[in-house]
């Protein structure tokens, strides 16, 4: 062992330039690696929970026709709790919702939206608050990404480490026909939630939510499923003027 040490010491003395370069390269590599690992350690992680309340999906007829098919529309509300369990603060930038269409005929749409997911990539403004009348009390459910009219407050979507926030997100699919709606099974449908944070990270949650008649959905929000109609009427009035 002593002889090996002597040999190594002699080699180091004879090759000081090589040793210096090797030490320098190792220092640079370790600094780079520690920076990368540090960045990986410091990132937001959103834990997504789906809460009871206005969490449901409803597909209902519009009373219109597309060629020879009855037209329908789908609206979805999800009451979420989002907790930042990571190691860096971040904002909730956007929320997407995906589901699988109720298609039986094998074609391109079946491959795209039955095997994979159909995505609604933008929440839409609800015309009224979500609330429920319990008799003596009325509970108002705050929105996550829009102003809650009852309180005139917007939910804070910038989450420090350890913070959480609750709120309703609301989506409508434009008028469609046939099996272009969330596929039901035993009174529920499978959805996939994707939340983007301000660092560009994605946070995923798969779950099932109830499928309810439109009358049941409107016990929570009287304008449930009516936003696109309101937008169309507003646009028609603008065009007339």
Protein backbone atom coordinates (compact mmCIF):
# COMPACT_ATOMS: atom_id res chain seq x y z
CA UNK A 1 0.00 0.00 0.00
CA UNK A 2 2.87 2.38 0.88
CA UNK A 3 4.51 1.65 -2.45
CA UNK A 4 1.27 2.42 -4.31
CA UNK A 5 0.97 5.76 -2.49
CA UNK A 6 4.57 6.62 -3.36
CA UNK A 7 3.96 5.77 -7.02
CA UNK A 8 0.79 7.90 -7.12
CA UNK A 9 2.57 10.82 -5.43
CA UNK A 10 5.46 10.62 -7.91
CA UNK A 11 3.02 10.49 -10.86
CA UNK A 12 1.16 13.54 -9.50
CA UNK A 13 4.44 15.47 -9.12
CA UNK A 14 5.53 14.54 -12.62
CA UNK A 15 2.12 15.44 -14.14
CA UNK A 16 1.05 18.54 -12.24
CA UNK A 17 -0.47 20.13 -15.33
CA UNK A 18 -2.70 17.14 -15.99
CA UNK A 19 -3.77 16.99 -12.34
CA UNK A 20 -4.58 20.71 -12.29
CA UNK A 21 -6.74 20.42 -15.41
CA UNK A 22 -8.49 17.33 -14.03
CA UNK A 23 -9.24 19.07 -10.73
CA UNK A 24 -10.52 22.14 -12.58
CA UNK A 25 -12.78 20.00 -14.81
CA UNK A 26 -14.09 18.06 -11.83
CA UNK A 27 -14.87 21.32 -10.01
CA UNK A 28 -16.76 22.69 -13.02
CA UNK A 29 -18.71 19.44 -13.42
CA UNK A 30 -19.64 19.24 -9.74
CA UNK A 31 -20.76 22.88 -9.75
CA UNK A 32 -22.89 22.32 -12.85
CA UNK A 33 -24.36 19.10 -11.47
CA UNK A 34 -25.16 20.65 -8.09
CA UNK A 35 -26.90 23.55 -9.85
CA UNK A 36 -29.00 21.18 -11.92
CA UNK A 37 -29.92 19.04 -8.92
CA UNK A 38 -30.67 22.15 -6.89
CA UNK A 39 -33.03 23.39 -9.58
CA UNK A 40 -34.73 20.01 -9.66
CA UNK A 41 -35.15 20.03 -5.90
CA UNK A 42 -36.72 23.50 -5.92
CA UNK A 43 -39.91 23.20 -7.93
CA UNK A 44 -43.65 23.44 -7.29
CA UNK A 45 -45.71 20.28 -7.00
CA UNK A 46 -49.48 20.75 -7.09
CA UNK A 47 -51.58 18.15 -5.31
CA UNK A 48 -55.04 18.15 -6.90
CA UNK A 49 -58.14 17.04 -5.00
CA UNK A 50 -61.71 16.96 -6.31
CA UNK A 51 -64.24 18.08 -3.71
CA UNK A 52 -67.93 17.40 -3.18
CA UNK A 53 -70.32 20.11 -4.28
CA UNK A 54 -70.60 21.46 -7.82
CA UNK A 55 -68.57 18.66 -9.39
CA UNK A 56 -70.50 17.11 -12.26
CA UNK A 57 -71.01 16.86 -16.00
CA UNK A 58 -74.22 17.34 -17.98
CA UNK A 59 -74.99 16.84 -21.67
CA UNK A 60 -78.29 18.33 -22.82
CA UNK A 61 -80.10 19.03 -26.12
CA UNK A 62 -79.91 22.50 -27.60
CA UNK A 63 -83.14 22.16 -29.59
CA UNK A 64 -81.22 22.71 -32.82
CA UNK A 65 -80.24 20.40 -35.66
CA UNK A 66 -76.94 19.63 -37.36
CA UNK A 67 -77.95 18.12 -40.71
CA UNK A 68 -80.29 15.33 -39.56
CA UNK A 69 -78.81 15.01 -36.08
CA UNK A 70 -80.04 16.54 -32.84
CA UNK A 71 -77.50 19.01 -31.45
CA UNK A 72 -76.35 18.88 -27.85
CA UNK A 73 -73.97 20.70 -25.56
CA UNK A 74 -71.83 19.52 -22.66
CA UNK A 75 -70.96 21.60 -19.60
CA UNK A 76 -68.69 20.58 -16.73
CA UNK A 77 -68.03 22.03 -13.30
CA UNK A 78 -65.30 20.76 -10.99
CA UNK A 79 -64.78 21.97 -7.44
CA UNK A 80 -61.03 21.70 -6.82
CA UNK A 81 -58.58 21.95 -3.99
CA UNK A 82 -55.02 22.61 -5.14
CA UNK A 83 -52.16 22.42 -2.63
CA UNK A 84 -48.53 23.29 -3.35
CA UNK A 85 -46.60 20.43 -1.72
CA UNK A 86 -43.38 21.17 -3.61
CA UNK A 87 -40.36 23.27 -2.68
CA UNK A 88 -40.98 26.47 -4.69
CA UNK A 89 -43.92 28.90 -4.94
CA UNK A 90 -45.79 29.16 -8.25
CA UNK A 91 -48.98 30.45 -9.83
CA UNK A 92 -51.81 28.43 -11.33
CA UNK A 93 -51.58 29.57 -14.94
CA UNK A 94 -54.23 27.48 -16.71
CA UNK A 95 -56.43 24.43 -16.28
CA UNK A 96 -57.42 21.94 -18.98
CA UNK A 97 -59.96 19.15 -18.80
CA UNK A 98 -59.99 16.01 -20.93
CA UNK A 99 -62.52 13.25 -21.43
CA UNK A 100 -63.32 10.48 -23.89
CA UNK A 101 -66.17 10.77 -26.36
CA UNK A 102 -68.99 8.24 -26.45
CA UNK A 103 -68.15 6.91 -29.90
CA UNK A 104 -68.76 3.37 -31.11
CA UNK A 105 -67.91 3.49 -34.81
CA UNK A 106 -64.22 2.98 -35.47
CA UNK A 107 -62.88 5.92 -37.47
CA UNK A 108 -60.39 8.80 -37.10
CA UNK A 109 -62.45 10.50 -34.40
CA UNK A 110 -62.71 7.21 -32.49
CA UNK A 111 -58.93 6.85 -32.57
CA UNK A 112 -58.40 10.46 -31.46
CA UNK A 113 -61.10 10.90 -28.84
CA UNK A 114 -62.11 7.42 -27.71
CA UNK A 115 -58.69 5.83 -27.32
CA UNK A 116 -57.12 9.12 -26.30
CA UNK A 117 -58.52 12.33 -24.78
CA UNK A 118 -60.58 15.19 -26.10
CA UNK A 119 -59.37 18.37 -24.42
CA UNK A 120 -61.15 21.56 -23.47
CA UNK A 121 -58.16 23.86 -23.19
CA UNK A 122 -59.91 26.98 -21.93
CA UNK A 123 -62.20 27.50 -19.00
CA UNK A 124 -65.21 29.65 -19.83
CA UNK A 125 -66.83 32.36 -17.74
CA UNK A 126 -69.87 31.24 -15.79
CA UNK A 127 -72.67 33.81 -15.93
CA UNK A 128 -73.69 33.22 -12.30
CA UNK A 129 -72.10 31.97 -9.08
CA UNK A 130 -72.35 28.34 -8.04
CA UNK A 131 -74.38 28.07 -4.86
CA UNK A 132 -76.73 25.68 -3.11
CA UNK A 133 -79.79 26.41 -0.98
CA UNK A 134 -79.77 24.22 2.14
CA UNK A 135 -82.95 25.79 3.48
CA UNK A 136 -81.74 27.99 6.32
CA UNK A 137 -78.43 28.72 4.64
CA UNK A 138 -77.10 29.26 1.13
CA UNK A 139 -73.54 28.15 0.46
CA UNK A 140 -71.63 30.03 -2.25
CA UNK A 141 -68.76 28.15 -3.87
CA UNK A 142 -65.90 30.46 -4.92
CA UNK A 143 -64.53 30.36 -8.43
CA UNK A 144 -60.89 29.50 -8.98
CA UNK A 145 -60.19 31.53 -12.14
CA UNK A 146 -62.87 34.22 -12.21
CA UNK A 147 -64.49 36.76 -9.92
CA UNK A 148 -67.05 35.40 -7.46
CA UNK A 149 -69.95 37.85 -7.66
CA UNK A 150 -71.28 37.22 -4.14
CA UNK A 151 -67.99 38.28 -2.52
CA UNK A 152 -66.58 40.43 -5.37
CA UNK A 153 -63.26 38.70 -4.86
CA UNK A 154 -60.88 36.82 -7.07
CA UNK A 155 -59.18 33.74 -5.67
CA UNK A 156 -55.43 34.07 -5.14
CA UNK A 157 -53.80 31.56 -7.45
CA UNK A 158 -50.20 32.25 -6.41
CA UNK A 159 -49.36 29.47 -3.97
CA UNK A 160 -46.49 29.60 -1.54
CA UNK A 161 -45.04 26.28 -0.40
CA UNK A 162 -47.61 24.63 1.85
CA UNK A 163 -50.51 26.82 0.73
CA UNK A 164 -53.72 25.57 -0.84
CA UNK A 165 -56.75 27.08 -2.53
CA UNK A 166 -60.30 25.93 -3.31
CA UNK A 167 -62.44 26.95 -6.26
CA UNK A 168 -64.80 25.93 -9.05
CA UNK A 169 -63.61 25.68 -12.64
CA UNK A 170 -66.21 25.70 -15.40
CA UNK A 171 -66.10 24.43 -18.98
CA UNK A 172 -68.48 24.21 -21.91
CA UNK A 173 -68.06 22.20 -25.07
CA UNK A 174 -69.53 23.92 -28.12
CA UNK A 175 -72.66 22.47 -29.68
CA UNK A 176 -71.98 19.05 -31.18
CA UNK A 177 -73.86 15.92 -32.21
CA UNK A 178 -73.78 12.13 -32.11
CA UNK A 179 -71.36 10.62 -29.61
CA UNK A 180 -69.27 13.77 -29.18
CA UNK A 181 -69.79 14.00 -25.42
CA UNK A 182 -68.18 12.44 -22.32
CA UNK A 183 -68.73 8.69 -22.31
CA UNK A 184 -70.90 7.73 -19.30
CA UNK A 185 -70.56 4.59 -17.22
CA UNK A 186 -72.75 3.80 -14.21
CA UNK A 187 -73.75 7.42 -13.81
CA UNK A 188 -70.20 8.79 -13.96
CA UNK A 189 -67.61 9.73 -16.55
CA UNK A 190 -63.83 9.65 -16.45
CA UNK A 191 -61.98 12.98 -16.73
CA UNK A 192 -58.37 14.09 -16.75
CA UNK A 193 -57.36 17.42 -15.22
CA UNK A 194 -54.13 19.12 -16.25
CA UNK A 195 -52.90 22.22 -14.43
CA UNK A 196 -50.06 24.35 -15.79
CA UNK A 197 -47.93 26.29 -13.31
CA UNK A 198 -45.94 29.48 -13.92
CA UNK A 199 -42.74 27.45 -14.48
CA UNK A 200 -44.38 25.55 -17.33
CA UNK A 201 -44.80 22.36 -15.32
CA UNK A 202 -47.87 20.13 -15.68
CA UNK A 203 -49.78 18.52 -12.84
CA UNK A 204 -52.19 15.70 -13.68
CA UNK A 205 -55.20 14.23 -11.93
CA UNK A 206 -57.47 11.47 -13.28
CA UNK A 207 -60.82 10.92 -11.61
CA UNK A 208 -64.49 10.21 -12.23
CA UNK A 209 -67.30 12.70 -11.74
CA UNK A 210 -71.09 12.31 -11.72
CA UNK A 211 -73.14 12.69 -14.89
CA UNK A 212 -76.36 14.51 -14.00
CA UNK A 213 -79.45 15.87 -15.79
CA UNK A 214 -79.31 19.54 -16.65
CA UNK A 215 -82.06 20.28 -14.12
CA UNK A 216 -79.89 18.89 -11.33
CA UNK A 217 -76.89 20.92 -12.47
CA UNK A 218 -78.94 24.12 -12.51
CA UNK A 219 -79.81 23.69 -8.84
CA UNK A 220 -76.23 24.87 -8.29
CA UNK A 221 -76.07 27.43 -11.09
CA UNK A 222 -79.16 28.63 -12.97
CA UNK A 223 -77.08 29.57 -16.02
CA UNK A 224 -75.20 26.26 -16.21
CA UNK A 225 -74.62 25.48 -19.89
CA UNK A 226 -75.84 28.89 -21.12
CA UNK A 227 -72.61 30.84 -21.62
CA UNK A 228 -72.19 30.03 -25.31
CA UNK A 229 -75.82 31.02 -25.96
CA UNK A 230 -75.24 34.35 -24.22
CA UNK A 231 -72.05 34.95 -26.22
CA UNK A 232 -73.83 34.15 -29.48
CA UNK A 233 -76.72 36.51 -28.69
CA UNK A 234 -74.27 39.24 -27.72
CA UNK A 235 -72.32 38.79 -30.94
CA UNK A 236 -75.53 38.88 -33.01
CA UNK A 237 -76.52 42.18 -31.42
CA UNK A 238 -73.10 43.64 -32.18
CA UNK A 239 -73.37 42.54 -35.81
CA UNK A 240 -76.82 44.14 -36.12
CA UNK A 241 -75.48 47.47 -34.93
